[in-house]
Amino acid sequence: MTTSTIKPTGGEEVPPAGVVGGVGDVGVAASLSKRDSEEDTWASKGYNYINPFVHRIEIDSHIEVAKIYVLTVLLLPIRVVGCVLSLISAWMFACIGLYGMTLDDLKEKPLTGWRKQMQCMTARGMRMVYTFGSFHYVTMKGRAATPKEAPILVVAPHSSYVDSILVVASGPPSIVAKRETADIPLLGRIINYAQPIYVQREDPNSRQNTIKDIVDRARSTDDWPQVVIFAEGTCTNRTALIKFKPGAFYPGVPVQPVLLKYPNKYDTFTWTWDGPGVLRLLWLTMTQFYNRCEIEYLPVYTPSVDEVADANLYANNVREVMAKALGVPTSDYSFEDVIVMSRARDMKIPFPGDIVEIERTIEKLGLIESQRDAELCKGFLRVSNTDRMDIITFAELLKVDLKNTDLHKLFALLDHRRMGTVNLKSFLLCSLFCKLKNSDLLTFLRALIHLYSESSQQIDRESFVRLMRHAGGKLNEQKAQALFFALDTDNLGYVSFDSFVEHTEKQKSSYKFLYHKSEHIRRSKAVTTPTN
C-alpha cells in the first residue's frame, strides 16, 4: 500500500462473514464471523511498500467536510444539469457528423471536410462536460507533435475516468476501446465519432487484430488522427509506473509520451482496484469549487533498431523516460496482477491487495516449491494458538532461518494489526492460493479441506459452509447450506468431499465454474496437491 496515512473513508465494503441466508442458526453465523474475520481483511497494514492499486481519500478538516455538504445542496445540482446538457449537445453534433456513415466507413478512412469540423464541435461539447464537472483549468505543457511526427500518444499514469479529458482537450485523437462501448446510450455515438480502434473481446484473435489495426493506422499515409493509448492498461494511484503493455510499441514508429497530472489539494478522482467507488468519487469531485489537470507533452521518442525489433524493450525504455519526468519509480506490477488480486478477493483469501507481494516473498523463501504448507494444513486443527503466532514460532513452523529478511517481510505483511503476531490459517490460505491460482477451484478446495475438517470423508455442515466460501463467490452461505442438505440425504450431519465432486460432475452445467482454469494468471508451474 502507499506509505501515506491511510483512513478507510471510501473503500468498498466486504460483506461480513458468517451471515447465514435463511438456513442455519445464529451460533453458526457468529462462529463464522469471528473465526473468518481475517479472511475478509482487505489489505495488510503491517508492511509499507508501494502498492499502485490502493487509494484512500483523506479529508481531515471539518470545514472541508462541511463545504462538501453545502456544495452538494447548492452547486452539485447545477453541475449535474450542465453536464447532462453538454453531453446531449455533444451527442447531437456527433449524430449530425455521423449521418449516413457506418462503423465500417469510420474504419476505412479518416474524416475530412465538414465532418471533421463537426468532430471538433463534438469535442468542445465534451470539454464542457468536464468544465461543468469542476475541471475548469487544463494546463498544456510542451509541444504536441503532429500525427506524422508521432502517430501514437503514450499516456501515463492512468488513474481515473477523468483521464479522457486528454481526448477532448487535444485534437481529438482516436482511442482504443471495447466494441461494447459503441452501444452505450449517448456516449456510444460520441466515441464512434472519434474513429476509435475497437477491441472485439469475443474474438479469439482480438489481440492480434487490435495490434494490426494500430500498426495500419500508425504506418498509413492517410491523415489519420493520432492514437491515444494508456500503456499501463489499468488505473493506478500514480505512486509508480507499472509495466507498460507492448501494444503501442509493436508498430515500431515514434511515439510521444504524454504525462497526466492533477495538482489539487484532494485527490477525489483516482479510481483504483482498492479504493472508493465511482459514484463516491464523482460526488466528491463535483463538490469542489474547481479542479486542475495538467497535460505535459514530452519530446517525441524515436525507437532504436533494437527497440523496433523488441516491443517490450521499447515499452520499458519509454516508461523509464516518463517515470523520470514524473519523479516516481517504476514498478514490477502489471495489469495481470490486478487479475490475481481480484481472483484472491473473490476466493476470500486474506489481504488480496497484498497477495502479489506475499507471493513474491513466499517465492523468495523457497516455499512455492516446498510442501511445507501442505504438511501444516494436515495438522492445522491440532495446532494451538494458530491465530497468535510470534515470529519465532512462525519461523520454526516454516523451517526458515529466523534471520532471513524475507521471513520478516512476510511476517509483517501477515501481521495486519501490527500486534507482533500472525494467523497461521491466513498464511496457509495465501500460500496455497499462490501455488494453485492457475488450477481449477475443485483442486484448490480439496487442498483446503484440512483447514476446516479432520477428514475429507466427514465434513460437517459448518465446516462445509466455511470451505465453500473459497469457491470464488459463486456459492454463498445460503447456497452452500442448501447444497450440504442436498448431499446429506441420510441426515448423517456430515458429507464427503468426494460426494460433493460427484454431485458437481453430474450437474456440470451448473458448476462449470469449479472446473475452469485461470489461463491468464502469470506463472504456471506444476504443483503437487496434498492427498487426503
Protein backbone atom coordinates (compact mmCIF):
# COMPACT_ATOMS: atom_id res chain seq x y z
CA MET A 1 0.00 0.00 0.00
CA THR A 2 1.08 3.61 -0.22
CA THR A 3 3.23 4.99 2.57
CA SER A 4 0.85 7.84 3.35
CA THR A 5 -1.53 7.75 6.28
CA ILE A 6 -4.49 5.64 5.35
CA LYS A 7 -8.03 6.17 6.56
CA PRO A 8 -10.91 3.96 5.45
CA THR A 9 -13.02 6.82 4.16
CA GLY A 10 -14.15 5.33 0.90
CA GLY A 11 -13.15 1.73 0.29
CA GLU A 12 -15.63 -0.79 -0.87
CA GLU A 13 -17.16 -2.78 1.93
CA VAL A 14 -16.59 -6.51 2.06
CA PRO A 15 -19.70 -8.38 3.20
CA PRO A 16 -19.27 -9.71 6.74
CA ALA A 17 -18.53 -13.37 7.07
CA GLY A 18 -20.99 -15.79 8.56
CA VAL A 19 -24.30 -14.21 7.58
CA VAL A 20 -26.45 -17.27 7.06
CA GLY A 21 -29.05 -16.59 4.41
CA GLY A 22 -32.13 -18.11 5.96
CA VAL A 23 -30.74 -21.56 6.74
CA GLY A 24 -28.90 -22.49 9.90
CA ASP A 25 -28.71 -20.86 13.29
CA VAL A 26 -27.27 -17.79 14.96
CA GLY A 27 -24.48 -19.78 16.61
CA VAL A 28 -23.09 -20.85 13.25
CA ALA A 29 -23.27 -17.29 11.96
CA ALA A 30 -21.50 -15.85 14.99
CA SER A 31 -18.82 -18.52 14.81
CA LEU A 32 -18.21 -17.91 11.12
CA SER A 33 -17.99 -14.17 11.64
CA LYS A 34 -15.50 -14.50 14.45
CA ARG A 35 -13.23 -17.16 13.02
CA ASP A 36 -13.17 -15.97 9.41
CA SER A 37 -12.87 -12.24 10.01
CA GLU A 38 -9.26 -12.19 8.87
CA GLU A 39 -10.22 -13.73 5.55
CA ASP A 40 -12.20 -10.55 4.85
CA THR A 41 -9.32 -8.22 5.66
CA TRP A 42 -8.69 -6.13 2.56
CA ALA A 43 -5.00 -5.29 2.89
CA SER A 44 -2.29 -5.55 5.49
CA LYS A 45 -1.10 -2.53 7.45
CA GLY A 46 1.97 -4.22 8.79
CA TYR A 47 4.38 -3.61 5.92
CA ASN A 48 4.73 -0.40 3.93
CA TYR A 49 5.59 -0.65 0.24
CA ILE A 50 4.38 0.98 -2.96
CA ASN A 51 1.15 -0.69 -3.98
CA PRO A 52 -0.13 1.16 -7.06
CA PHE A 53 -3.64 -0.29 -6.79
CA VAL A 54 -4.65 1.07 -3.37
CA HIS A 55 -6.11 4.55 -2.89
CA ARG A 56 -7.67 6.32 0.08
CA ILE A 57 -9.16 9.81 0.31
CA GLU A 58 -8.18 11.61 3.49
CA ILE A 59 -10.12 14.78 4.37
CA ASP A 60 -9.27 15.79 7.93
CA SER A 61 -10.71 19.29 8.05
CA HIS A 62 -14.24 19.70 9.43
CA ILE A 63 -14.53 22.88 7.36
CA GLU A 64 -13.76 20.93 4.18
CA VAL A 65 -16.33 18.29 5.06
CA ALA A 66 -18.94 21.00 5.77
CA LYS A 67 -18.07 22.65 2.44
CA ILE A 68 -18.68 19.38 0.59
CA TYR A 69 -22.15 19.01 2.09
CA VAL A 70 -23.07 22.65 1.45
CA LEU A 71 -21.92 22.43 -2.18
CA THR A 72 -23.83 19.16 -2.54
CA VAL A 73 -27.01 21.16 -1.99
CA LEU A 74 -26.10 24.43 -3.72
CA LEU A 75 -23.71 23.54 -6.56
CA LEU A 76 -23.99 19.83 -7.38
CA PRO A 77 -27.49 20.01 -8.96
CA ILE A 78 -26.39 22.86 -11.26
CA ARG A 79 -23.30 20.93 -12.31
CA VAL A 80 -25.26 17.73 -13.00
CA VAL A 81 -27.72 19.64 -15.19
CA GLY A 82 -24.83 21.36 -17.00
CA CYS A 83 -23.07 18.03 -17.60
CA VAL A 84 -26.23 16.45 -18.99
CA LEU A 85 -26.97 19.37 -21.32
CA SER A 86 -23.36 19.45 -22.55
CA LEU A 87 -23.42 15.70 -23.15
CA ILE A 88 -26.65 15.97 -25.13
CA SER A 89 -25.20 18.79 -27.25
CA ALA A 90 -22.07 16.73 -27.98
CA TRP A 91 -24.29 13.76 -28.90
CA MET A 92 -26.31 15.92 -31.29
CA PHE A 93 -23.11 17.13 -33.04
CA ALA A 94 -21.94 13.52 -33.29
CA CYS A 95 -25.28 12.37 -34.76
CA ILE A 96 -25.08 15.10 -37.41
CA GLY A 97 -21.49 14.25 -38.24
CA LEU A 98 -22.17 10.52 -38.44
CA TYR A 99 -25.26 10.87 -40.64
CA GLY A 100 -25.08 8.35 -43.48
CA MET A 101 -21.95 6.62 -42.12
CA THR A 102 -21.45 3.10 -40.77
CA LEU A 103 -18.79 1.71 -38.44
CA ASP A 104 -17.06 0.20 -41.45
CA ASP A 105 -16.94 3.63 -43.11
CA LEU A 106 -15.32 5.09 -39.99
CA LYS A 107 -12.72 2.34 -40.05
CA GLU A 108 -11.77 2.74 -43.70
CA LYS A 109 -10.59 6.35 -43.90
CA PRO A 110 -10.16 9.46 -41.72
CA LEU A 111 -12.83 12.15 -41.59
CA THR A 112 -12.45 15.24 -43.75
CA GLY A 113 -14.28 18.47 -44.57
CA TRP A 114 -17.41 19.38 -42.64
CA ARG A 115 -17.44 16.07 -40.80
CA LYS A 116 -14.01 16.89 -39.37
CA GLN A 117 -15.25 20.31 -38.27
CA MET A 118 -18.29 18.74 -36.64
CA GLN A 119 -15.95 16.31 -34.84
CA CYS A 120 -14.18 19.30 -33.28
CA MET A 121 -17.54 20.71 -32.20
CA THR A 122 -18.33 17.38 -30.54
CA ALA A 123 -15.03 17.54 -28.66
CA ARG A 124 -15.87 21.06 -27.46
CA GLY A 125 -19.23 19.85 -26.21
CA MET A 126 -17.47 17.09 -24.26
CA ARG A 127 -14.98 19.63 -22.91
CA MET A 128 -17.95 21.49 -21.44
CA VAL A 129 -18.96 18.28 -19.65
CA TYR A 130 -15.63 18.40 -17.82
CA THR A 131 -15.98 22.14 -17.20
CA PHE A 132 -19.33 21.64 -15.50
CA GLY A 133 -17.79 18.67 -13.71
CA SER A 134 -15.36 21.09 -11.94
CA PHE A 135 -12.33 20.79 -14.28
CA HIS A 136 -12.13 24.47 -15.17
CA TYR A 137 -8.38 24.56 -15.70
CA VAL A 138 -6.45 22.33 -18.09
CA THR A 139 -2.82 23.40 -18.49
CA MET A 140 -0.85 22.24 -21.52
CA LYS A 141 2.94 21.96 -21.31
CA GLY A 142 5.41 21.09 -24.05
CA ARG A 143 4.73 20.87 -27.77
CA ALA A 144 2.17 18.42 -29.10
CA ALA A 145 3.64 16.54 -32.07
CA THR A 146 1.78 16.18 -35.34
CA PRO A 147 0.40 12.77 -36.37
CA LYS A 148 3.20 12.43 -38.91
CA GLU A 149 5.87 13.11 -36.26
CA ALA A 150 4.33 10.70 -33.73
CA PRO A 151 1.33 8.61 -34.81
CA ILE A 152 0.87 7.28 -31.26
CA LEU A 153 0.48 9.13 -27.95
CA VAL A 154 1.58 7.02 -24.98
CA VAL A 155 -0.22 8.37 -21.91
CA ALA A 156 0.60 7.71 -18.26
CA PRO A 157 -0.11 7.48 -15.44
CA HIS A 158 -3.64 6.18 -16.00
CA SER A 159 -5.54 6.74 -12.78
CA SER A 160 -9.11 7.76 -13.48
CA TYR A 161 -12.09 8.08 -15.80
CA VAL A 162 -11.11 11.77 -15.83
CA ASP A 163 -8.03 10.91 -17.92
CA SER A 164 -10.21 11.00 -21.03
CA ILE A 165 -10.05 14.80 -20.70
CA LEU A 166 -6.89 14.48 -22.82
CA VAL A 167 -9.02 13.29 -25.75
CA VAL A 168 -11.46 16.22 -25.64
CA ALA A 169 -8.80 18.83 -24.89
CA SER A 170 -6.49 18.00 -27.80
CA GLY A 171 -7.42 17.14 -31.33
CA PRO A 172 -9.40 14.99 -30.74
CA PRO A 173 -7.19 11.91 -31.22
CA SER A 174 -8.51 8.37 -31.62
CA ILE A 175 -8.71 5.88 -28.77
CA VAL A 176 -8.64 2.12 -28.29
CA ALA A 177 -11.95 0.96 -26.82
CA LYS A 178 -14.08 -2.13 -26.24
CA ARG A 179 -16.57 -2.80 -29.02
CA GLU A 180 -19.39 -2.73 -26.43
CA THR A 181 -18.83 1.00 -25.84
CA ALA A 182 -20.37 1.71 -29.24
CA ASP A 183 -23.74 0.66 -27.82
CA ILE A 184 -23.68 2.93 -24.74
CA PRO A 185 -26.55 5.45 -24.91
CA LEU A 186 -25.34 8.96 -25.89
CA LEU A 187 -21.67 8.19 -25.27
CA GLY A 188 -21.59 5.41 -27.87
CA ARG A 189 -22.09 7.71 -30.84
CA ILE A 190 -19.65 10.26 -29.42
CA ILE A 191 -16.99 7.56 -29.06
CA ASN A 192 -17.74 6.28 -32.57
CA TYR A 193 -17.15 9.79 -33.92
CA ALA A 194 -13.59 9.73 -32.55
CA GLN A 195 -12.90 6.85 -35.00
CA PRO A 196 -11.64 4.50 -32.28
CA ILE A 197 -9.87 1.19 -32.75
CA TYR A 198 -12.35 -1.28 -31.32
CA VAL A 199 -11.33 -4.37 -29.38
CA GLN A 200 -13.60 -7.36 -30.02
CA ARG A 201 -13.41 -9.26 -26.71
CA GLU A 202 -15.40 -12.23 -28.03
CA ASP A 203 -12.99 -12.67 -30.94
CA PRO A 204 -10.18 -15.15 -30.07
CA ASN A 205 -7.90 -13.18 -32.42
CA SER A 206 -8.82 -9.87 -30.80
CA ARG A 207 -5.31 -9.10 -29.56
CA GLN A 208 -3.68 -9.71 -32.94
CA ASN A 209 -6.39 -7.79 -34.82
CA THR A 210 -6.13 -4.79 -32.49
CA ILE A 211 -2.35 -4.69 -32.88
CA LYS A 212 -2.77 -4.94 -36.66
CA ASP A 213 -5.22 -2.02 -36.65
CA ILE A 214 -2.82 0.09 -34.58
CA VAL A 215 0.06 -0.78 -36.92
CA ASP A 216 -2.03 0.03 -40.01
CA ARG A 217 -3.08 3.41 -38.59
CA ALA A 218 0.45 4.28 -37.47
CA ARG A 219 2.02 3.43 -40.82
CA SER A 220 -0.76 4.80 -43.02
CA THR A 221 -0.09 7.69 -45.41
CA ASP A 222 -3.65 8.96 -44.83
CA ASP A 223 -4.31 11.85 -42.48
CA TRP A 224 -5.47 9.74 -39.54
CA PRO A 225 -5.58 11.39 -36.09
CA GLN A 226 -3.09 10.18 -33.51
CA VAL A 227 -3.99 7.12 -31.47
CA VAL A 228 -4.07 7.61 -27.69
CA ILE A 229 -3.00 4.55 -25.69
CA PHE A 230 -2.91 4.31 -21.89
CA ALA A 231 0.04 1.96 -21.83
CA GLU A 232 -0.44 0.72 -18.25
CA GLY A 233 -3.72 -0.91 -19.23
CA THR A 234 -5.40 -0.25 -15.87
CA CYS A 235 -5.83 2.51 -13.30
CA THR A 236 -3.21 3.12 -10.59
CA ASN A 237 -2.72 5.66 -7.80
CA ARG A 238 0.20 7.41 -9.61
CA THR A 239 2.78 6.44 -6.96
CA ALA A 240 4.70 4.42 -9.57
CA LEU A 241 4.51 3.49 -13.23
CA ILE A 242 3.58 -0.17 -13.62
CA LYS A 243 4.66 -2.28 -16.59
CA PHE A 244 3.57 -0.92 -19.95
CA LYS A 245 1.63 -3.24 -22.24
CA PRO A 246 3.51 -3.52 -25.55
CA GLY A 247 0.56 -2.83 -27.89
CA ALA A 248 1.54 0.80 -28.53
CA PHE A 249 5.08 -0.20 -29.38
CA TYR A 250 4.58 -3.04 -31.87
CA PRO A 251 4.34 -0.67 -34.86
CA GLY A 252 7.92 0.45 -34.18
CA VAL A 253 7.09 4.08 -35.02
CA PRO A 254 7.98 7.19 -33.00
CA VAL A 255 5.69 7.86 -30.06
CA GLN A 256 5.09 10.96 -27.98
CA PRO A 257 4.98 10.33 -24.20
CA VAL A 258 2.25 12.37 -22.50
CA LEU A 259 2.05 12.88 -18.74
CA LEU A 260 -1.18 13.47 -16.84
CA LYS A 261 -1.00 15.33 -13.53
CA TYR A 262 -3.66 16.54 -11.12
CA PRO A 263 -2.16 19.23 -8.84
CA ASN A 264 -5.15 19.52 -6.48
CA LYS A 265 -5.46 19.66 -2.72
CA TYR A 266 -7.50 16.46 -2.57
CA ASP A 267 -7.34 13.51 -4.92
CA THR A 268 -11.04 12.79 -5.36
CA PHE A 269 -10.92 11.11 -8.76
CA THR A 270 -8.28 8.35 -8.62
CA TRP A 271 -10.17 5.14 -9.31
CA THR A 272 -8.17 2.06 -8.41
CA TRP A 273 -8.82 -1.60 -7.69
CA ASP A 274 -8.97 -0.98 -3.93
CA GLY A 275 -10.47 2.41 -3.26
CA PRO A 276 -13.65 4.49 -3.36
CA GLY A 277 -16.32 3.62 -5.90
CA VAL A 278 -17.02 5.74 -8.96
CA LEU A 279 -20.20 7.36 -7.57
CA ARG A 280 -18.44 8.50 -4.41
CA LEU A 281 -15.57 9.86 -6.48
CA LEU A 282 -17.94 11.77 -8.77
CA TRP A 283 -19.73 13.26 -5.78
CA LEU A 284 -16.52 14.39 -4.06
CA THR A 285 -15.06 15.74 -7.31
CA MET A 286 -18.13 17.75 -8.26
CA THR A 287 -18.43 19.27 -4.79
CA GLN A 288 -15.06 21.01 -5.08
CA PHE A 289 -15.04 24.61 -6.29
CA TYR A 290 -12.69 23.60 -9.10
CA ASN A 291 -10.09 21.01 -10.06
CA ARG A 292 -6.95 21.30 -12.15
CA CYS A 293 -5.45 18.99 -14.75
CA GLU A 294 -2.01 19.32 -16.29
CA ILE A 295 -1.11 17.66 -19.60
CA GLU A 296 2.59 17.61 -20.40
CA TYR A 297 3.89 16.56 -23.82
CA LEU A 298 7.42 15.16 -23.65
CA PRO A 299 9.73 15.16 -26.69
CA VAL A 300 8.95 12.56 -29.34
CA TYR A 301 10.71 9.26 -28.64
CA THR A 302 12.20 7.69 -31.75
CA PRO A 303 12.99 3.99 -31.30
CA SER A 304 16.37 2.47 -32.00
CA VAL A 305 16.80 -0.57 -34.24
CA ASP A 306 16.80 -2.83 -31.16
CA GLU A 307 13.62 -1.22 -29.83
CA VAL A 308 11.84 -1.61 -33.17
CA ALA A 309 12.68 -5.31 -33.03
CA ASP A 310 11.63 -5.71 -29.38
CA ALA A 311 8.37 -4.02 -28.35
CA ASN A 312 8.89 -4.86 -24.66
CA LEU A 313 12.31 -3.19 -24.65
CA TYR A 314 10.79 -0.17 -26.38
CA ALA A 315 7.96 -0.04 -23.81
CA ASN A 316 10.35 -0.30 -20.83
CA ASN A 317 12.62 2.45 -22.14
CA VAL A 318 9.73 4.85 -22.75
CA ARG A 319 8.41 4.03 -19.28
CA GLU A 320 11.79 4.95 -17.75
CA VAL A 321 11.73 8.31 -19.52
CA MET A 322 8.21 9.05 -18.28
CA ALA A 323 8.92 7.91 -14.71
CA LYS A 324 11.98 10.17 -14.57
CA ALA A 325 9.93 13.14 -15.79
CA LEU A 326 7.23 12.40 -13.20
CA GLY A 327 9.73 11.83 -10.40
CA VAL A 328 8.26 8.46 -9.47
CA PRO A 329 9.75 4.95 -9.51
CA THR A 330 8.85 2.18 -11.91
CA SER A 331 7.15 -0.92 -10.54
CA ASP A 332 7.10 -4.60 -11.46
CA TYR A 333 3.33 -4.62 -11.03
CA SER A 334 1.23 -5.09 -14.16
CA PHE A 335 -2.37 -5.32 -15.31
CA GLU A 336 -2.19 -9.10 -14.81
CA ASP A 337 -1.57 -8.54 -11.10
CA VAL A 338 -4.98 -6.86 -10.84
CA ILE A 339 -6.49 -10.08 -12.17
CA VAL A 340 -4.63 -12.05 -9.49
CA MET A 341 -5.81 -9.71 -6.71
CA SER A 342 -9.39 -9.79 -7.97
CA ARG A 343 -9.35 -13.58 -8.02
CA ALA A 344 -7.94 -13.65 -4.48
CA ARG A 345 -10.68 -11.29 -3.30
CA ASP A 346 -13.40 -13.41 -4.90
CA MET A 347 -11.96 -16.54 -3.27
CA LYS A 348 -11.89 -14.93 0.19
CA ILE A 349 -8.11 -15.03 0.52
CA PRO A 350 -6.80 -12.73 3.27
CA PHE A 351 -5.17 -9.48 2.18
CA PRO A 352 -5.99 -9.69 -1.56
CA GLY A 353 -4.48 -6.23 -2.00
CA ASP A 354 -1.12 -7.62 -0.85
CA ILE A 355 -1.31 -11.08 -2.40
CA VAL A 356 1.15 -10.29 -5.20
CA GLU A 357 3.75 -9.03 -2.71
CA ILE A 358 3.06 -12.02 -0.47
CA GLU A 359 3.56 -14.37 -3.41
CA ARG A 360 6.88 -12.78 -4.34
CA THR A 361 8.07 -13.07 -0.76
CA ILE A 362 6.95 -16.69 -0.40
CA GLU A 363 8.75 -17.48 -3.65
CA LYS A 364 11.99 -15.90 -2.39
CA LEU A 365 11.72 -18.07 0.72
CA GLY A 366 11.52 -21.17 -1.46
CA LEU A 367 8.06 -22.05 -0.16
CA ILE A 368 6.34 -22.16 -3.55
CA GLU A 369 8.17 -25.37 -4.44
CA SER A 370 8.04 -26.65 -0.86
CA GLN A 371 5.32 -28.90 0.55
CA ARG A 372 5.57 -27.35 4.00
CA ASP A 373 2.20 -25.60 3.72
CA ALA A 374 0.50 -28.88 2.78
CA GLU A 375 2.10 -30.55 5.81
CA LEU A 376 0.92 -27.74 8.09
CA CYS A 377 -2.58 -27.97 6.61
CA LYS A 378 -2.90 -31.63 7.59
CA GLY A 379 -2.17 -30.87 11.23
CA PHE A 380 -3.72 -27.42 11.34
CA LEU A 381 -6.69 -28.25 13.58
CA ARG A 382 -4.36 -29.87 16.11
CA VAL A 383 -2.06 -26.83 16.39
CA SER A 384 -2.82 -24.50 19.32
CA ASN A 385 -2.77 -20.67 19.17
CA THR A 386 -2.74 -20.58 15.36
CA ASP A 387 -4.09 -17.01 15.44
CA ARG A 388 -1.40 -15.65 17.79
CA MET A 389 1.97 -16.86 16.50
CA ASP A 390 5.06 -14.76 17.09
CA ILE A 391 7.95 -14.53 14.65
CA ILE A 392 9.95 -17.27 16.41
CA THR A 393 7.12 -19.82 16.27
CA PHE A 394 6.35 -18.80 12.70
CA ALA A 395 9.97 -19.37 11.64
CA GLU A 396 10.05 -22.75 13.36
CA LEU A 397 6.85 -23.93 11.68
CA LEU A 398 8.07 -22.84 8.24
CA LYS A 399 11.57 -24.20 8.93
CA VAL A 400 13.11 -20.91 7.83
CA ASP A 401 16.11 -19.16 9.40
CA LEU A 402 14.90 -16.53 11.87
CA LYS A 403 17.45 -14.06 10.48
CA ASN A 404 16.04 -14.26 6.95
CA THR A 405 14.88 -10.76 5.93
CA ASP A 406 12.20 -12.16 3.62
CA LEU A 407 10.73 -14.07 6.56
CA HIS A 408 10.39 -10.80 8.47
CA LYS A 409 8.82 -9.14 5.41
CA LEU A 410 6.28 -11.98 5.09
CA PHE A 411 5.53 -11.79 8.81
CA ALA A 412 4.94 -8.02 8.56
CA LEU A 413 2.61 -8.46 5.58
CA LEU A 414 0.55 -11.01 7.52
CA ASP A 415 0.61 -9.02 10.78
CA HIS A 416 -2.25 -6.80 9.65
CA ARG A 417 -2.99 -5.46 13.14
CA ARG A 418 0.68 -4.73 13.92
CA MET A 419 0.39 -6.79 17.08
CA GLY A 420 3.60 -8.79 16.60
CA THR A 421 1.61 -11.96 15.83
CA VAL A 422 0.21 -13.64 12.73
CA ASN A 423 -2.53 -16.11 11.94
CA LEU A 424 -1.32 -19.45 10.58
CA LYS A 425 -4.53 -20.00 8.66
CA SER A 426 -4.08 -16.70 6.84
CA PHE A 427 -0.61 -17.75 5.76
CA LEU A 428 -1.78 -21.17 4.58
CA LEU A 429 -4.65 -19.69 2.57
CA CYS A 430 -2.29 -17.21 0.92
CA SER A 431 0.40 -19.80 0.27
CA LEU A 432 -1.96 -22.36 -1.25
CA PHE A 433 -3.62 -19.70 -3.39
CA CYS A 434 -0.24 -18.58 -4.74
CA LYS A 435 0.58 -22.19 -5.61
CA LEU A 436 -2.75 -23.18 -7.09
CA LYS A 437 -4.15 -20.00 -8.60
CA ASN A 438 -3.78 -21.49 -12.08
CA SER A 439 -5.68 -24.62 -11.05
CA ASP A 440 -9.41 -25.17 -11.10
CA LEU A 441 -11.43 -24.38 -7.97
CA LEU A 442 -12.04 -28.03 -7.11
CA THR A 443 -8.30 -28.62 -6.82
CA PHE A 444 -7.95 -25.57 -4.60
CA LEU A 445 -10.89 -26.52 -2.37
CA ARG A 446 -9.50 -30.03 -1.95
CA ALA A 447 -6.21 -28.56 -0.78
CA LEU A 448 -8.06 -26.54 1.90
CA ILE A 449 -10.08 -29.38 3.41
CA HIS A 450 -7.86 -29.92 6.45
CA LEU A 451 -8.11 -26.25 7.42
CA TYR A 452 -11.75 -26.91 8.26
CA SER A 453 -12.17 -30.64 8.80
CA GLU A 454 -10.10 -33.52 10.17
CA SER A 455 -11.25 -35.77 7.34
CA SER A 456 -12.35 -35.29 3.76
CA GLN A 457 -14.85 -38.09 4.32
CA GLN A 458 -16.69 -36.48 7.21
CA ILE A 459 -17.14 -32.74 6.72
CA ASP A 460 -19.83 -31.30 8.98
CA ARG A 461 -22.18 -28.52 7.91
CA GLU A 462 -20.31 -25.62 9.48
CA SER A 463 -17.00 -26.77 8.00
CA PHE A 464 -18.57 -27.36 4.59
CA VAL A 465 -20.10 -23.87 4.51
CA ARG A 466 -16.80 -22.37 5.60
CA LEU A 467 -14.91 -24.28 2.90
CA MET A 468 -17.34 -23.17 0.18
CA ARG A 469 -16.60 -19.53 0.97
CA HIS A 470 -13.46 -20.04 -1.11
CA ALA A 471 -15.39 -21.12 -4.22
CA GLY A 472 -14.89 -17.79 -5.95
CA GLY A 473 -18.05 -16.12 -4.68
CA LYS A 474 -20.30 -18.47 -6.65
CA LEU A 475 -21.53 -20.39 -3.60
CA ASN A 476 -22.76 -18.02 -0.93
CA GLU A 477 -23.66 -19.34 2.51
CA GLN A 478 -27.31 -19.89 1.66
CA LYS A 479 -26.43 -21.91 -1.45
CA ALA A 480 -23.69 -23.81 0.40
CA GLN A 481 -26.07 -24.79 3.16
CA ALA A 482 -28.70 -25.90 0.63
CA LEU A 483 -26.04 -27.90 -1.19
CA PHE A 484 -24.97 -29.57 2.06
CA PHE A 485 -28.53 -30.72 2.79
CA ALA A 486 -28.85 -31.96 -0.80
CA LEU A 487 -25.70 -34.07 -0.33
CA ASP A 488 -26.59 -35.31 3.17
CA THR A 489 -29.51 -37.44 2.02
CA ASP A 490 -29.18 -39.80 5.02
CA ASN A 491 -29.17 -36.96 7.58
CA LEU A 492 -25.80 -38.03 8.96
CA GLY A 493 -24.74 -34.47 9.75
CA TYR A 494 -21.69 -34.74 7.51
CA VAL A 495 -20.75 -35.25 3.85
CA SER A 496 -17.63 -36.31 1.99
CA PHE A 497 -15.71 -34.15 -0.45
CA ASP A 498 -15.90 -36.97 -2.99
CA SER A 499 -19.71 -36.89 -2.87
CA PHE A 500 -19.53 -33.15 -3.49
CA VAL A 501 -17.29 -33.72 -6.53
CA GLU A 502 -19.59 -36.47 -7.82
CA HIS A 503 -22.60 -34.17 -7.43
CA THR A 504 -20.92 -31.33 -9.36
CA GLU A 505 -19.89 -33.70 -12.15
CA LYS A 506 -23.48 -34.84 -12.60
CA GLN A 507 -24.63 -31.23 -12.80
CA LYS A 508 -21.58 -29.81 -14.53
CA SER A 509 -23.55 -27.16 -16.39
CA SER A 510 -24.45 -25.58 -13.04
CA TYR A 511 -20.97 -25.97 -11.54
CA LYS A 512 -18.73 -25.38 -14.54
CA PHE A 513 -17.01 -22.52 -12.66
CA LEU A 514 -15.44 -25.16 -10.39
CA TYR A 515 -13.67 -26.76 -13.37
CA HIS A 516 -12.45 -23.61 -15.07
CA LYS A 517 -8.70 -22.95 -15.02
CA SER A 518 -7.33 -19.42 -15.00
CA GLU A 519 -5.12 -19.39 -18.07
CA HIS A 520 -4.34 -15.67 -17.89
CA ILE A 521 -2.66 -15.62 -14.48
CA ARG A 522 1.13 -15.50 -14.58
CA ARG A 523 3.35 -18.42 -13.65
CA SER A 524 2.00 -21.83 -14.46
CA LYS A 525 4.39 -24.21 -12.76
CA ALA A 526 3.00 -27.62 -12.00
CA VAL A 527 2.40 -28.09 -8.29
CA THR A 528 1.55 -31.26 -6.45
CA THR A 529 -1.54 -31.03 -4.28
CA PRO A 530 -1.82 -32.69 -0.91
CA THR A 531 -3.52 -36.06 -0.71
CA ASN A 532 -6.25 -36.83 1.77
